[in-house]
Amino acid sequence: MPLIPEEPQIHESAQGPHATSATGRNASTPRPVPGPRPRPVPGPRTAATPRPGHPGRGPARPAPPEHSQVPAERPAAAAPETRTVPQVQLVPASVDGALDAAEEAVDRLLDSGHAPGDILVLTTGDQHPWATHELSFGENSYWEQHDAGEDVFFAGAPAVDRAKARPVVVVALNGGGDDTVARVLPTARERATTLLVVCGDSERVNSVLGAGV
């Protein structure tokens, strides 16, 4: 009977990266079999990441605060400005004595506590000597004293419109025509915020400012 050669016994060894093939070479790591890639399971969408520097795609702006439904109150209408009517005091005097009467009225006002800058003196005829003297240095320096408001200021009829308001205005009717008096007295009453003193003929004053002055 023929002898059957004995089959070589194969001894099991640990298979690993260093396993040696039958030919003596290291066995290469098996490559994965190519096939269709698994698709990711769709989930809830999220906001796209904003691109740096891209306008309009920055962080979400906070929601504006809710406005109250209560209607806004309308501002109260400003009350109409009311101008106080100055008290009118008449000092009877002739044309020649009106300027002296005005100076005496100024002295009484100062003695009663009025500040010099509170008093404005207007003349309808010749300028007061103080005004004539100050105007000799130029109108600029003359009106600078008026604007400073630190002393009694004297002005003639031509400058009555330029004079500013003061608490007390004294008018000397020492000349001038009726048209001059009719222009100076109403303007003087507008410039006086507290008291208007008129030195002159009472009938002439009443005809311009009204009876009962």
N, C-alpha and C. Protein backbone atom coordinates (compact mmCIF):
# COMPACT_ATOMS: atom_id res chain seq x y z
N MET A 1 0.87 -1.18 0.00
CA MET A 1 0.00 0.00 0.00
C MET A 1 0.89 1.22 0.00
N PRO A 2 0.63 2.09 -0.92
CA PRO A 2 1.55 3.24 -0.98
C PRO A 2 1.40 4.15 0.22
N LEU A 3 2.49 4.66 0.59
CA LEU A 3 2.48 5.55 1.77
C LEU A 3 2.01 6.95 1.38
N ILE A 4 1.11 7.48 2.15
CA ILE A 4 0.60 8.86 1.93
C ILE A 4 1.47 9.81 2.73
N PRO A 5 2.08 10.66 2.03
CA PRO A 5 2.97 11.58 2.80
C PRO A 5 2.17 12.36 3.85
N GLU A 6 2.85 12.45 4.91
CA GLU A 6 2.20 13.14 6.05
C GLU A 6 2.05 14.62 5.74
N GLU A 7 0.83 15.10 5.90
CA GLU A 7 0.53 16.55 5.64
C GLU A 7 1.22 17.41 6.67
N PRO A 8 1.83 18.43 6.18
CA PRO A 8 2.50 19.31 7.19
C PRO A 8 1.46 20.00 8.09
N GLN A 9 1.84 20.02 9.32
CA GLN A 9 0.94 20.66 10.29
C GLN A 9 1.16 22.17 10.28
N ILE A 10 0.05 22.88 10.25
CA ILE A 10 0.10 24.35 10.25
C ILE A 10 -0.18 24.84 11.64
N HIS A 11 0.79 25.54 12.17
CA HIS A 11 0.64 26.06 13.53
C HIS A 11 0.03 27.45 13.48
N GLU A 12 -1.00 27.67 14.29
CA GLU A 12 -1.65 28.99 14.34
C GLU A 12 -0.74 29.97 15.05
N SER A 13 -0.69 31.13 14.49
CA SER A 13 0.09 32.21 15.12
C SER A 13 -0.77 33.46 15.19
N ALA A 14 -0.40 34.38 16.03
CA ALA A 14 -1.20 35.64 16.17
C ALA A 14 -1.12 36.44 14.90
N GLN A 15 -2.28 36.71 14.35
CA GLN A 15 -2.35 37.52 13.14
C GLN A 15 -2.34 38.99 13.51
N GLY A 16 -1.51 39.74 12.93
CA GLY A 16 -1.41 41.17 13.25
C GLY A 16 -0.66 41.88 12.17
N PRO A 17 -0.34 43.08 12.47
CA PRO A 17 0.33 43.87 11.45
C PRO A 17 1.66 43.32 11.07
N HIS A 18 2.28 42.54 11.98
CA HIS A 18 3.60 41.98 11.69
C HIS A 18 3.51 40.53 11.25
N ALA A 19 2.31 40.06 10.91
CA ALA A 19 2.18 38.67 10.46
C ALA A 19 2.88 38.49 9.13
N THR A 20 3.54 37.36 9.00
CA THR A 20 4.33 37.09 7.80
C THR A 20 3.57 36.13 6.92
N SER A 21 3.51 36.40 5.63
CA SER A 21 2.80 35.54 4.69
C SER A 21 3.62 34.30 4.41
N ALA A 22 3.00 33.44 3.68
CA ALA A 22 3.68 32.18 3.39
C ALA A 22 4.93 32.40 2.59
N THR A 23 5.01 33.48 1.85
CA THR A 23 6.18 33.72 1.02
C THR A 23 7.28 34.43 1.77
N GLY A 24 7.00 34.75 3.04
CA GLY A 24 8.05 35.41 3.82
C GLY A 24 7.94 36.90 3.85
N ARG A 25 6.97 37.56 3.07
CA ARG A 25 6.83 39.01 3.07
C ARG A 25 5.74 39.44 4.05
N ASN A 26 5.91 40.61 4.52
CA ASN A 26 4.89 41.13 5.44
C ASN A 26 3.57 41.29 4.71
N ALA A 27 2.52 40.86 5.35
CA ALA A 27 1.20 40.99 4.74
C ALA A 27 0.74 42.44 4.80
N SER A 28 0.30 42.97 3.69
CA SER A 28 -0.17 44.38 3.66
C SER A 28 -1.55 44.48 4.28
N THR A 29 -1.77 45.65 4.86
CA THR A 29 -3.07 45.88 5.51
C THR A 29 -4.15 45.90 4.45
N PRO A 30 -5.20 45.15 4.63
CA PRO A 30 -6.24 45.11 3.58
C PRO A 30 -6.90 46.45 3.41
N ARG A 31 -7.09 46.87 2.16
CA ARG A 31 -7.75 48.14 1.86
C ARG A 31 -9.26 47.96 1.91
N PRO A 32 -9.96 49.02 2.36
CA PRO A 32 -11.42 48.89 2.39
C PRO A 32 -11.96 48.82 0.99
N VAL A 33 -13.00 48.07 0.89
CA VAL A 33 -13.64 47.89 -0.41
C VAL A 33 -14.42 49.14 -0.76
N PRO A 34 -14.15 49.77 -1.91
CA PRO A 34 -14.90 51.00 -2.24
C PRO A 34 -16.37 50.70 -2.43
N GLY A 35 -17.16 51.65 -2.06
CA GLY A 35 -18.60 51.50 -2.19
C GLY A 35 -19.30 52.83 -1.95
N PRO A 36 -20.58 52.87 -1.98
CA PRO A 36 -21.30 54.14 -1.74
C PRO A 36 -21.10 54.65 -0.32
N ARG A 37 -20.78 55.95 -0.23
CA ARG A 37 -20.55 56.56 1.09
C ARG A 37 -21.89 56.78 1.80
N PRO A 38 -21.92 56.53 3.05
CA PRO A 38 -23.20 56.75 3.78
C PRO A 38 -23.50 58.24 3.87
N ARG A 39 -24.71 58.59 3.56
CA ARG A 39 -25.15 59.98 3.64
C ARG A 39 -25.52 60.34 5.08
N PRO A 40 -25.17 61.59 5.47
CA PRO A 40 -25.53 61.98 6.86
C PRO A 40 -27.03 62.11 7.00
N VAL A 41 -27.48 61.74 8.12
CA VAL A 41 -28.92 61.83 8.40
C VAL A 41 -29.29 63.30 8.55
N PRO A 42 -30.24 63.79 7.75
CA PRO A 42 -30.61 65.22 7.85
C PRO A 42 -31.20 65.54 9.21
N GLY A 43 -30.84 66.70 9.71
CA GLY A 43 -31.35 67.15 11.00
C GLY A 43 -31.87 68.56 10.90
N PRO A 44 -32.21 69.15 12.01
CA PRO A 44 -32.74 70.53 11.98
C PRO A 44 -31.69 71.50 11.47
N ARG A 45 -32.12 72.42 10.61
CA ARG A 45 -31.22 73.41 10.05
C ARG A 45 -30.89 74.47 11.08
N THR A 46 -29.67 74.91 11.02
CA THR A 46 -29.22 75.99 11.90
C THR A 46 -28.79 77.16 11.05
N ALA A 47 -28.70 78.32 11.68
CA ALA A 47 -28.28 79.52 10.94
C ALA A 47 -26.87 79.35 10.46
N ALA A 48 -26.66 79.78 9.23
CA ALA A 48 -25.34 79.65 8.64
C ALA A 48 -24.34 80.52 9.38
N THR A 49 -23.13 80.01 9.49
CA THR A 49 -22.10 80.79 10.16
C THR A 49 -21.79 82.03 9.35
N PRO A 50 -21.87 83.21 9.94
CA PRO A 50 -21.64 84.44 9.16
C PRO A 50 -20.22 84.52 8.67
N ARG A 51 -20.08 85.04 7.48
CA ARG A 51 -18.76 85.26 6.94
C ARG A 51 -18.13 86.49 7.54
N PRO A 52 -16.88 86.41 7.88
CA PRO A 52 -16.25 87.60 8.49
C PRO A 52 -16.21 88.76 7.53
N GLY A 53 -16.63 89.90 8.02
CA GLY A 53 -16.56 91.10 7.21
C GLY A 53 -17.68 91.26 6.23
N HIS A 54 -18.62 90.33 6.17
CA HIS A 54 -19.72 90.43 5.21
C HIS A 54 -20.85 91.24 5.83
N PRO A 55 -21.22 92.33 5.21
CA PRO A 55 -22.26 93.17 5.82
C PRO A 55 -23.60 92.46 5.83
N GLY A 56 -24.30 92.70 6.92
CA GLY A 56 -25.65 92.17 7.02
C GLY A 56 -25.72 90.74 7.48
N ARG A 57 -24.54 90.12 7.75
CA ARG A 57 -24.56 88.74 8.20
C ARG A 57 -23.83 88.58 9.52
N GLY A 58 -23.86 89.62 10.31
CA GLY A 58 -23.22 89.56 11.61
C GLY A 58 -24.11 88.88 12.62
N PRO A 59 -23.80 89.03 13.89
CA PRO A 59 -24.65 88.42 14.93
C PRO A 59 -26.05 88.99 14.87
N ALA A 60 -26.98 88.19 15.25
CA ALA A 60 -28.39 88.62 15.22
C ALA A 60 -28.59 89.82 16.14
N ARG A 61 -29.25 90.83 15.62
CA ARG A 61 -29.51 92.02 16.43
C ARG A 61 -30.62 91.76 17.45
N PRO A 62 -30.48 92.33 18.63
CA PRO A 62 -31.56 92.12 19.61
C PRO A 62 -32.85 92.74 19.13
N ALA A 63 -33.92 92.11 19.47
CA ALA A 63 -35.23 92.60 19.05
C ALA A 63 -35.51 93.95 19.70
N PRO A 64 -36.06 94.91 18.95
CA PRO A 64 -36.36 96.24 19.53
C PRO A 64 -37.38 96.12 20.64
N PRO A 65 -37.26 96.99 21.65
CA PRO A 65 -38.22 96.92 22.76
C PRO A 65 -39.62 97.23 22.27
N GLU A 66 -40.54 96.56 22.87
CA GLU A 66 -41.92 96.79 22.50
C GLU A 66 -42.38 98.16 22.95
N HIS A 67 -43.01 98.88 22.05
CA HIS A 67 -43.49 100.22 22.38
C HIS A 67 -44.83 100.12 23.10
N SER A 68 -44.93 100.96 24.08
CA SER A 68 -46.19 100.98 24.80
C SER A 68 -47.29 101.53 23.92
N GLN A 69 -48.43 101.00 24.07
CA GLN A 69 -49.57 101.43 23.29
C GLN A 69 -50.22 102.68 23.85
N VAL A 70 -49.69 103.16 25.00
CA VAL A 70 -50.28 104.37 25.59
C VAL A 70 -49.87 105.57 24.75
N PRO A 71 -50.78 106.35 24.25
CA PRO A 71 -50.41 107.50 23.40
C PRO A 71 -49.62 108.52 24.19
N ALA A 72 -48.60 109.08 23.53
CA ALA A 72 -47.75 110.09 24.19
C ALA A 72 -48.54 111.37 24.41
N GLU A 73 -48.24 111.98 25.53
CA GLU A 73 -48.93 113.22 25.84
C GLU A 73 -48.40 114.36 24.98
N ARG A 74 -49.28 115.15 24.47
CA ARG A 74 -48.88 116.29 23.67
C ARG A 74 -48.36 117.40 24.56
N PRO A 75 -47.26 118.07 24.14
CA PRO A 75 -46.75 119.17 24.96
C PRO A 75 -47.77 120.29 25.06
N ALA A 76 -47.84 120.81 26.25
CA ALA A 76 -48.80 121.89 26.46
C ALA A 76 -48.42 123.12 25.65
N ALA A 77 -49.39 123.75 25.09
CA ALA A 77 -49.13 124.95 24.29
C ALA A 77 -48.58 126.06 25.17
N ALA A 78 -47.57 126.74 24.66
CA ALA A 78 -46.96 127.82 25.42
C ALA A 78 -47.96 128.96 25.61
N ALA A 79 -47.96 129.46 26.82
CA ALA A 79 -48.89 130.55 27.11
C ALA A 79 -48.44 131.81 26.38
N PRO A 80 -49.36 132.56 25.86
CA PRO A 80 -48.97 133.79 25.15
C PRO A 80 -48.25 134.75 26.08
N GLU A 81 -47.20 135.34 25.54
CA GLU A 81 -46.39 136.26 26.34
C GLU A 81 -47.17 137.54 26.62
N THR A 82 -47.23 137.86 27.87
CA THR A 82 -47.94 139.07 28.27
C THR A 82 -46.93 140.11 28.73
N ARG A 83 -47.13 141.32 28.29
CA ARG A 83 -46.23 142.41 28.64
C ARG A 83 -46.91 143.29 29.68
N THR A 84 -46.17 143.54 30.75
CA THR A 84 -46.72 144.39 31.80
C THR A 84 -46.73 145.83 31.34
N VAL A 85 -47.84 146.51 31.61
CA VAL A 85 -47.97 147.93 31.24
C VAL A 85 -47.31 148.76 32.34
N PRO A 86 -46.36 149.62 31.98
CA PRO A 86 -45.68 150.40 33.03
C PRO A 86 -46.61 151.45 33.63
N GLN A 87 -46.30 151.79 34.85
CA GLN A 87 -47.01 152.89 35.50
C GLN A 87 -46.54 154.21 34.89
N VAL A 88 -47.48 155.12 34.65
CA VAL A 88 -47.15 156.41 34.05
C VAL A 88 -47.31 157.51 35.11
N GLN A 89 -46.25 158.28 35.27
CA GLN A 89 -46.26 159.39 36.23
C GLN A 89 -45.99 160.68 35.47
N LEU A 90 -46.84 161.69 35.68
CA LEU A 90 -46.72 162.98 34.99
C LEU A 90 -46.18 164.03 35.95
N VAL A 91 -45.14 164.70 35.51
CA VAL A 91 -44.57 165.81 36.28
C VAL A 91 -44.82 167.09 35.47
N PRO A 92 -45.77 167.94 35.87
CA PRO A 92 -46.04 169.17 35.10
C PRO A 92 -44.80 170.06 35.03
N ALA A 93 -44.49 170.51 33.83
CA ALA A 93 -43.33 171.39 33.64
C ALA A 93 -43.48 172.09 32.30
N SER A 94 -42.88 173.28 32.23
CA SER A 94 -42.89 174.02 30.98
C SER A 94 -41.81 173.48 30.05
N VAL A 95 -41.78 173.97 28.83
CA VAL A 95 -40.76 173.51 27.88
C VAL A 95 -39.37 173.86 28.39
N ASP A 96 -39.20 175.07 28.94
CA ASP A 96 -37.88 175.49 29.43
C ASP A 96 -37.49 174.76 30.71
N GLY A 97 -38.47 174.34 31.50
CA GLY A 97 -38.14 173.70 32.79
C GLY A 97 -38.25 172.18 32.75
N ALA A 98 -38.55 171.61 31.57
CA ALA A 98 -38.74 170.16 31.51
C ALA A 98 -37.45 169.39 31.77
N LEU A 99 -36.31 169.91 31.29
CA LEU A 99 -35.05 169.21 31.48
C LEU A 99 -34.64 169.20 32.94
N ASP A 100 -34.84 170.34 33.64
CA ASP A 100 -34.51 170.38 35.07
C ASP A 100 -35.42 169.45 35.86
N ALA A 101 -36.70 169.39 35.46
CA ALA A 101 -37.64 168.49 36.14
C ALA A 101 -37.24 167.02 35.93
N ALA A 102 -36.72 166.71 34.75
CA ALA A 102 -36.28 165.34 34.49
C ALA A 102 -35.07 164.97 35.35
N GLU A 103 -34.13 165.93 35.52
CA GLU A 103 -32.97 165.65 36.36
C GLU A 103 -33.38 165.45 37.81
N GLU A 104 -34.34 166.24 38.27
CA GLU A 104 -34.82 166.06 39.64
C GLU A 104 -35.52 164.71 39.81
N ALA A 105 -36.23 164.29 38.77
CA ALA A 105 -36.89 162.98 38.84
C ALA A 105 -35.86 161.85 38.92
N VAL A 106 -34.75 162.02 38.19
CA VAL A 106 -33.69 161.02 38.24
C VAL A 106 -33.08 160.95 39.64
N ASP A 107 -32.86 162.12 40.25
CA ASP A 107 -32.30 162.13 41.61
C ASP A 107 -33.22 161.42 42.60
N ARG A 108 -34.52 161.65 42.47
CA ARG A 108 -35.47 160.99 43.38
C ARG A 108 -35.47 159.47 43.17
N LEU A 109 -35.36 159.06 41.91
CA LEU A 109 -35.32 157.63 41.63
C LEU A 109 -34.09 156.96 42.23
N LEU A 110 -32.95 157.63 42.11
CA LEU A 110 -31.73 157.08 42.69
C LEU A 110 -31.81 157.04 44.21
N ASP A 111 -32.39 158.07 44.80
CA ASP A 111 -32.53 158.11 46.25
C ASP A 111 -33.48 157.02 46.76
N SER A 112 -34.45 156.63 45.93
CA SER A 112 -35.42 155.61 46.35
C SER A 112 -34.91 154.19 46.16
N GLY A 113 -33.69 154.03 45.63
CA GLY A 113 -33.10 152.69 45.54
C GLY A 113 -32.92 152.16 44.14
N HIS A 114 -33.31 152.89 43.11
CA HIS A 114 -33.09 152.42 41.74
C HIS A 114 -31.61 152.50 41.39
N ALA A 115 -31.15 151.51 40.65
CA ALA A 115 -29.76 151.51 40.18
C ALA A 115 -29.62 152.48 39.01
N PRO A 116 -28.45 153.11 38.85
CA PRO A 116 -28.26 154.04 37.72
C PRO A 116 -28.52 153.38 36.37
N GLY A 117 -28.15 152.11 36.23
CA GLY A 117 -28.35 151.44 34.96
C GLY A 117 -29.80 151.12 34.65
N ASP A 118 -30.70 151.37 35.60
CA ASP A 118 -32.13 151.11 35.38
C ASP A 118 -32.84 152.28 34.70
N ILE A 119 -32.15 153.41 34.53
CA ILE A 119 -32.83 154.65 34.12
C ILE A 119 -32.35 155.09 32.74
N LEU A 120 -33.32 155.42 31.89
CA LEU A 120 -33.08 155.98 30.57
C LEU A 120 -33.81 157.31 30.48
N VAL A 121 -33.12 158.36 30.03
CA VAL A 121 -33.71 159.69 29.91
C VAL A 121 -33.75 160.06 28.43
N LEU A 122 -34.94 160.45 27.96
CA LEU A 122 -35.13 160.87 26.57
C LEU A 122 -35.57 162.32 26.53
N THR A 123 -35.09 163.04 25.53
CA THR A 123 -35.47 164.44 25.35
C THR A 123 -36.08 164.61 23.96
N THR A 124 -37.08 165.49 23.89
CA THR A 124 -37.72 165.76 22.59
C THR A 124 -37.15 166.99 21.90
N GLY A 125 -36.40 167.80 22.65
CA GLY A 125 -35.79 169.02 22.09
C GLY A 125 -34.28 168.87 22.03
N ASP A 126 -33.59 169.83 22.65
CA ASP A 126 -32.13 169.79 22.67
C ASP A 126 -31.61 168.59 23.48
N GLN A 127 -30.41 168.13 23.08
CA GLN A 127 -29.78 167.03 23.80
C GLN A 127 -29.45 167.45 25.23
N HIS A 128 -29.44 166.48 26.13
CA HIS A 128 -28.94 166.73 27.49
C HIS A 128 -27.45 167.01 27.40
N PRO A 129 -26.92 167.91 28.23
CA PRO A 129 -25.48 168.23 28.17
C PRO A 129 -24.58 167.00 28.28
N TRP A 130 -24.98 166.01 29.06
CA TRP A 130 -24.16 164.80 29.18
C TRP A 130 -24.06 164.09 27.83
N ALA A 131 -25.19 163.98 27.12
CA ALA A 131 -25.18 163.31 25.82
C ALA A 131 -24.32 164.08 24.82
N THR A 132 -24.42 165.40 24.85
CA THR A 132 -23.61 166.22 23.93
C THR A 132 -22.13 166.01 24.19
N HIS A 133 -21.77 165.94 25.48
CA HIS A 133 -20.36 165.75 25.84
C HIS A 133 -19.87 164.37 25.41
N GLU A 134 -20.63 163.34 25.65
CA GLU A 134 -20.18 161.98 25.32
C GLU A 134 -20.13 161.75 23.81
N LEU A 135 -21.04 162.36 23.07
CA LEU A 135 -21.03 162.21 21.63
C LEU A 135 -19.82 162.88 20.98
N SER A 136 -19.20 163.80 21.70
CA SER A 136 -18.01 164.45 21.16
C SER A 136 -16.84 163.47 21.03
N PHE A 137 -16.90 162.34 21.74
CA PHE A 137 -15.86 161.32 21.65
C PHE A 137 -16.19 160.25 20.61
N GLY A 138 -17.32 160.42 19.93
CA GLY A 138 -17.70 159.45 18.92
C GLY A 138 -18.92 158.65 19.33
N GLU A 139 -19.69 158.25 18.34
CA GLU A 139 -20.90 157.51 18.63
C GLU A 139 -20.62 156.10 19.16
N ASN A 140 -19.50 155.53 18.76
CA ASN A 140 -19.20 154.16 19.21
C ASN A 140 -19.05 154.10 20.72
N SER A 141 -18.23 154.98 21.27
CA SER A 141 -18.05 154.99 22.72
C SER A 141 -19.33 155.41 23.44
N TYR A 142 -20.11 156.26 22.78
CA TYR A 142 -21.37 156.72 23.38
C TYR A 142 -22.35 155.56 23.54
N TRP A 143 -22.52 154.77 22.46
CA TRP A 143 -23.46 153.65 22.53
C TRP A 143 -22.91 152.46 23.29
N GLU A 144 -21.59 152.39 23.44
CA GLU A 144 -21.03 151.34 24.28
C GLU A 144 -21.47 151.52 25.73
N GLN A 145 -21.56 152.77 26.16
CA GLN A 145 -22.04 153.03 27.52
C GLN A 145 -23.51 152.64 27.66
N HIS A 146 -24.27 152.86 26.58
CA HIS A 146 -25.67 152.46 26.60
C HIS A 146 -25.80 150.94 26.74
N ASP A 147 -25.01 150.21 25.94
CA ASP A 147 -25.10 148.76 25.97
C ASP A 147 -24.56 148.18 27.29
N ALA A 148 -23.60 148.85 27.89
CA ALA A 148 -23.07 148.36 29.17
C ALA A 148 -24.12 148.42 30.26
N GLY A 149 -25.00 149.43 30.21
CA GLY A 149 -26.09 149.52 31.18
C GLY A 149 -25.65 149.70 32.61
N GLU A 150 -24.56 150.44 32.82
CA GLU A 150 -24.04 150.63 34.17
C GLU A 150 -24.37 152.00 34.75
N ASP A 151 -24.88 152.92 33.93
CA ASP A 151 -25.14 154.28 34.42
C ASP A 151 -26.39 154.83 33.74
N VAL A 152 -26.87 155.96 34.23
CA VAL A 152 -28.00 156.63 33.59
C VAL A 152 -27.59 157.03 32.18
N PHE A 153 -28.47 156.80 31.24
CA PHE A 153 -28.16 157.10 29.84
C PHE A 153 -29.14 158.13 29.31
N PHE A 154 -28.60 159.15 28.61
CA PHE A 154 -29.39 160.24 28.05
C PHE A 154 -29.34 160.14 26.52
N ALA A 155 -30.50 160.25 25.88
CA ALA A 155 -30.57 160.18 24.42
C ALA A 155 -31.62 161.15 23.92
N GLY A 156 -31.39 161.67 22.71
CA GLY A 156 -32.34 162.60 22.10
C GLY A 156 -33.36 161.87 21.25
N ALA A 157 -34.29 162.64 20.71
CA ALA A 157 -35.38 162.08 19.91
C ALA A 157 -34.89 161.28 18.70
N PRO A 158 -33.83 161.74 17.99
CA PRO A 158 -33.38 160.96 16.83
C PRO A 158 -32.92 159.55 17.16
N ALA A 159 -32.48 159.33 18.40
CA ALA A 159 -31.95 158.02 18.77
C ALA A 159 -32.92 157.20 19.60
N VAL A 160 -34.18 157.63 19.68
CA VAL A 160 -35.11 156.95 20.58
C VAL A 160 -35.36 155.51 20.13
N ASP A 161 -35.36 155.27 18.82
CA ASP A 161 -35.63 153.91 18.35
C ASP A 161 -34.48 152.95 18.64
N ARG A 162 -33.28 153.49 18.80
CA ARG A 162 -32.11 152.63 19.06
C ARG A 162 -31.97 152.30 20.54
N ALA A 163 -32.57 153.07 21.38
CA ALA A 163 -32.45 152.83 22.82
C ALA A 163 -33.17 151.54 23.21
N LYS A 164 -32.55 150.79 24.10
CA LYS A 164 -33.12 149.54 24.56
C LYS A 164 -33.98 149.76 25.81
N ALA A 165 -34.76 148.77 26.12
CA ALA A 165 -35.67 148.85 27.25
C ALA A 165 -34.91 148.91 28.57
N ARG A 166 -35.49 149.66 29.52
CA ARG A 166 -34.96 149.73 30.88
C ARG A 166 -36.15 149.81 31.83
N PRO A 167 -35.93 149.48 33.08
CA PRO A 167 -37.07 149.51 34.01
C PRO A 167 -37.75 150.87 34.10
N VAL A 168 -36.98 151.96 34.06
CA VAL A 168 -37.56 153.30 34.21
C VAL A 168 -37.11 154.16 33.03
N VAL A 169 -38.07 154.85 32.42
CA VAL A 169 -37.77 155.79 31.34
C VAL A 169 -38.34 157.15 31.74
N VAL A 170 -37.49 158.17 31.65
CA VAL A 170 -37.89 159.55 31.96
C VAL A 170 -37.85 160.34 30.66
N VAL A 171 -38.94 161.06 30.36
CA VAL A 171 -39.02 161.85 29.14
C VAL A 171 -39.17 163.32 29.51
N ALA A 172 -38.33 164.14 28.88
CA ALA A 172 -38.40 165.59 29.07
C ALA A 172 -38.93 166.21 27.78
N LEU A 173 -40.13 166.79 27.87
CA LEU A 173 -40.71 167.48 26.70
C LEU A 173 -40.14 168.90 26.64
N ASN A 174 -38.87 169.00 26.26
CA ASN A 174 -38.18 170.29 26.26
C ASN A 174 -38.13 170.92 24.87
N GLY A 175 -39.06 170.57 24.02
CA GLY A 175 -39.10 171.15 22.67
C GLY A 175 -39.57 170.11 21.68
N GLY A 176 -39.37 170.45 20.40
CA GLY A 176 -39.79 169.53 19.35
C GLY A 176 -41.24 169.76 18.96
N GLY A 177 -41.57 169.38 17.74
CA GLY A 177 -42.93 169.54 17.26
C GLY A 177 -43.84 168.44 17.78
N ASP A 178 -45.13 168.57 17.41
CA ASP A 178 -46.10 167.59 17.85
C ASP A 178 -45.80 166.20 17.28
N ASP A 179 -45.28 166.17 16.07
CA ASP A 179 -44.96 164.86 15.48
C ASP A 179 -43.83 164.18 16.23
N THR A 180 -42.86 164.98 16.73
CA THR A 180 -41.77 164.40 17.52
C THR A 180 -42.29 163.86 18.84
N VAL A 181 -43.12 164.64 19.50
CA VAL A 181 -43.69 164.18 20.77
C VAL A 181 -44.56 162.94 20.55
N ALA A 182 -45.32 162.92 19.46
CA ALA A 182 -46.19 161.78 19.17
C ALA A 182 -45.38 160.52 18.86
N ARG A 183 -44.14 160.68 18.44
CA ARG A 183 -43.30 159.50 18.17
C ARG A 183 -42.52 159.07 19.40
N VAL A 184 -42.05 160.04 20.22
CA VAL A 184 -41.21 159.71 21.36
C VAL A 184 -42.01 159.09 22.50
N LEU A 185 -43.17 159.66 22.82
CA LEU A 185 -43.91 159.18 23.99
C LEU A 185 -44.37 157.71 23.86
N PRO A 186 -44.98 157.29 22.74
CA PRO A 186 -45.36 155.87 22.65
C PRO A 186 -44.15 154.93 22.69
N THR A 187 -43.05 155.35 22.06
CA THR A 187 -41.85 154.51 22.09
C THR A 187 -41.29 154.43 23.50
N ALA A 188 -41.32 155.56 24.23
CA ALA A 188 -40.83 155.56 25.60
C ALA A 188 -41.67 154.63 26.48
N ARG A 189 -42.97 154.58 26.24
CA ARG A 189 -43.82 153.69 27.03
C ARG A 189 -43.51 152.22 26.72
N GLU A 190 -43.12 151.94 25.48
CA GLU A 190 -42.73 150.57 25.14
C GLU A 190 -41.41 150.18 25.77
N ARG A 191 -40.49 151.15 25.89
CA ARG A 191 -39.17 150.85 26.45
C ARG A 191 -39.22 150.70 27.98
N ALA A 192 -40.15 151.35 28.63
CA ALA A 192 -40.23 151.28 30.10
C ALA A 192 -40.91 149.98 30.51
N THR A 193 -40.24 149.20 31.34
CA THR A 193 -40.82 147.94 31.80
C THR A 193 -41.53 148.08 33.14
N THR A 194 -41.23 149.15 33.89
CA THR A 194 -41.87 149.33 35.19
C THR A 194 -42.52 150.70 35.34
N LEU A 195 -41.79 151.77 35.03
CA LEU A 195 -42.27 153.13 35.29
C LEU A 195 -41.89 154.06 34.15
N LEU A 196 -42.84 154.92 33.75
CA LEU A 196 -42.59 155.97 32.76
C LEU A 196 -42.91 157.31 33.42
N VAL A 197 -41.90 158.19 33.45
CA VAL A 197 -42.06 159.52 34.03
C VAL A 197 -41.98 160.54 32.88
N VAL A 198 -43.02 161.35 32.74
CA VAL A 198 -43.06 162.35 31.68
C VAL A 198 -43.08 163.73 32.31
N CYS A 199 -42.09 164.56 31.94
CA CYS A 199 -41.99 165.92 32.46
C CYS A 199 -42.36 166.88 31.32
N GLY A 200 -43.53 167.53 31.48
CA GLY A 200 -43.97 168.44 30.41
C GLY A 200 -45.38 168.90 30.63
N ASP A 201 -45.95 169.46 29.59
CA ASP A 201 -47.32 169.98 29.65
C ASP A 201 -48.31 168.81 29.71
N SER A 202 -49.19 168.85 30.71
CA SER A 202 -50.11 167.75 30.92
C SER A 202 -51.08 167.56 29.76
N GLU A 203 -51.58 168.69 29.18
CA GLU A 203 -52.52 168.56 28.06
C GLU A 203 -51.85 167.91 26.86
N ARG A 204 -50.61 168.25 26.64
CA ARG A 204 -49.88 167.68 25.50
C ARG A 204 -49.64 166.18 25.71
N VAL A 205 -49.36 165.83 26.94
CA VAL A 205 -49.13 164.41 27.24
C VAL A 205 -50.42 163.62 27.10
N ASN A 206 -51.52 164.17 27.62
CA ASN A 206 -52.79 163.46 27.55
C ASN A 206 -53.28 163.29 26.10
N SER A 207 -52.97 164.25 25.27
CA SER A 207 -53.41 164.15 23.88
C SER A 207 -52.69 163.03 23.12
N VAL A 208 -51.51 162.66 23.60
CA VAL A 208 -50.73 161.61 22.94
C VAL A 208 -50.94 160.25 23.59
N LEU A 209 -50.84 160.20 24.92
CA LEU A 209 -50.95 158.93 25.63
C LEU A 209 -52.38 158.60 26.07
N GLY A 210 -53.26 159.55 25.98
CA GLY A 210 -54.64 159.30 26.39
C GLY A 210 -54.98 160.09 27.63
N ALA A 211 -56.27 160.37 27.77
CA ALA A 211 -56.75 161.16 28.90
C ALA A 211 -56.56 160.38 30.21
N GLY A 212 -56.35 161.14 31.26
CA GLY A 212 -56.23 160.53 32.58
C GLY A 212 -54.83 160.19 32.98
N VAL A 213 -53.85 160.53 32.16
CA VAL A 213 -52.45 160.25 32.52
C VAL A 213 -51.98 161.22 33.58
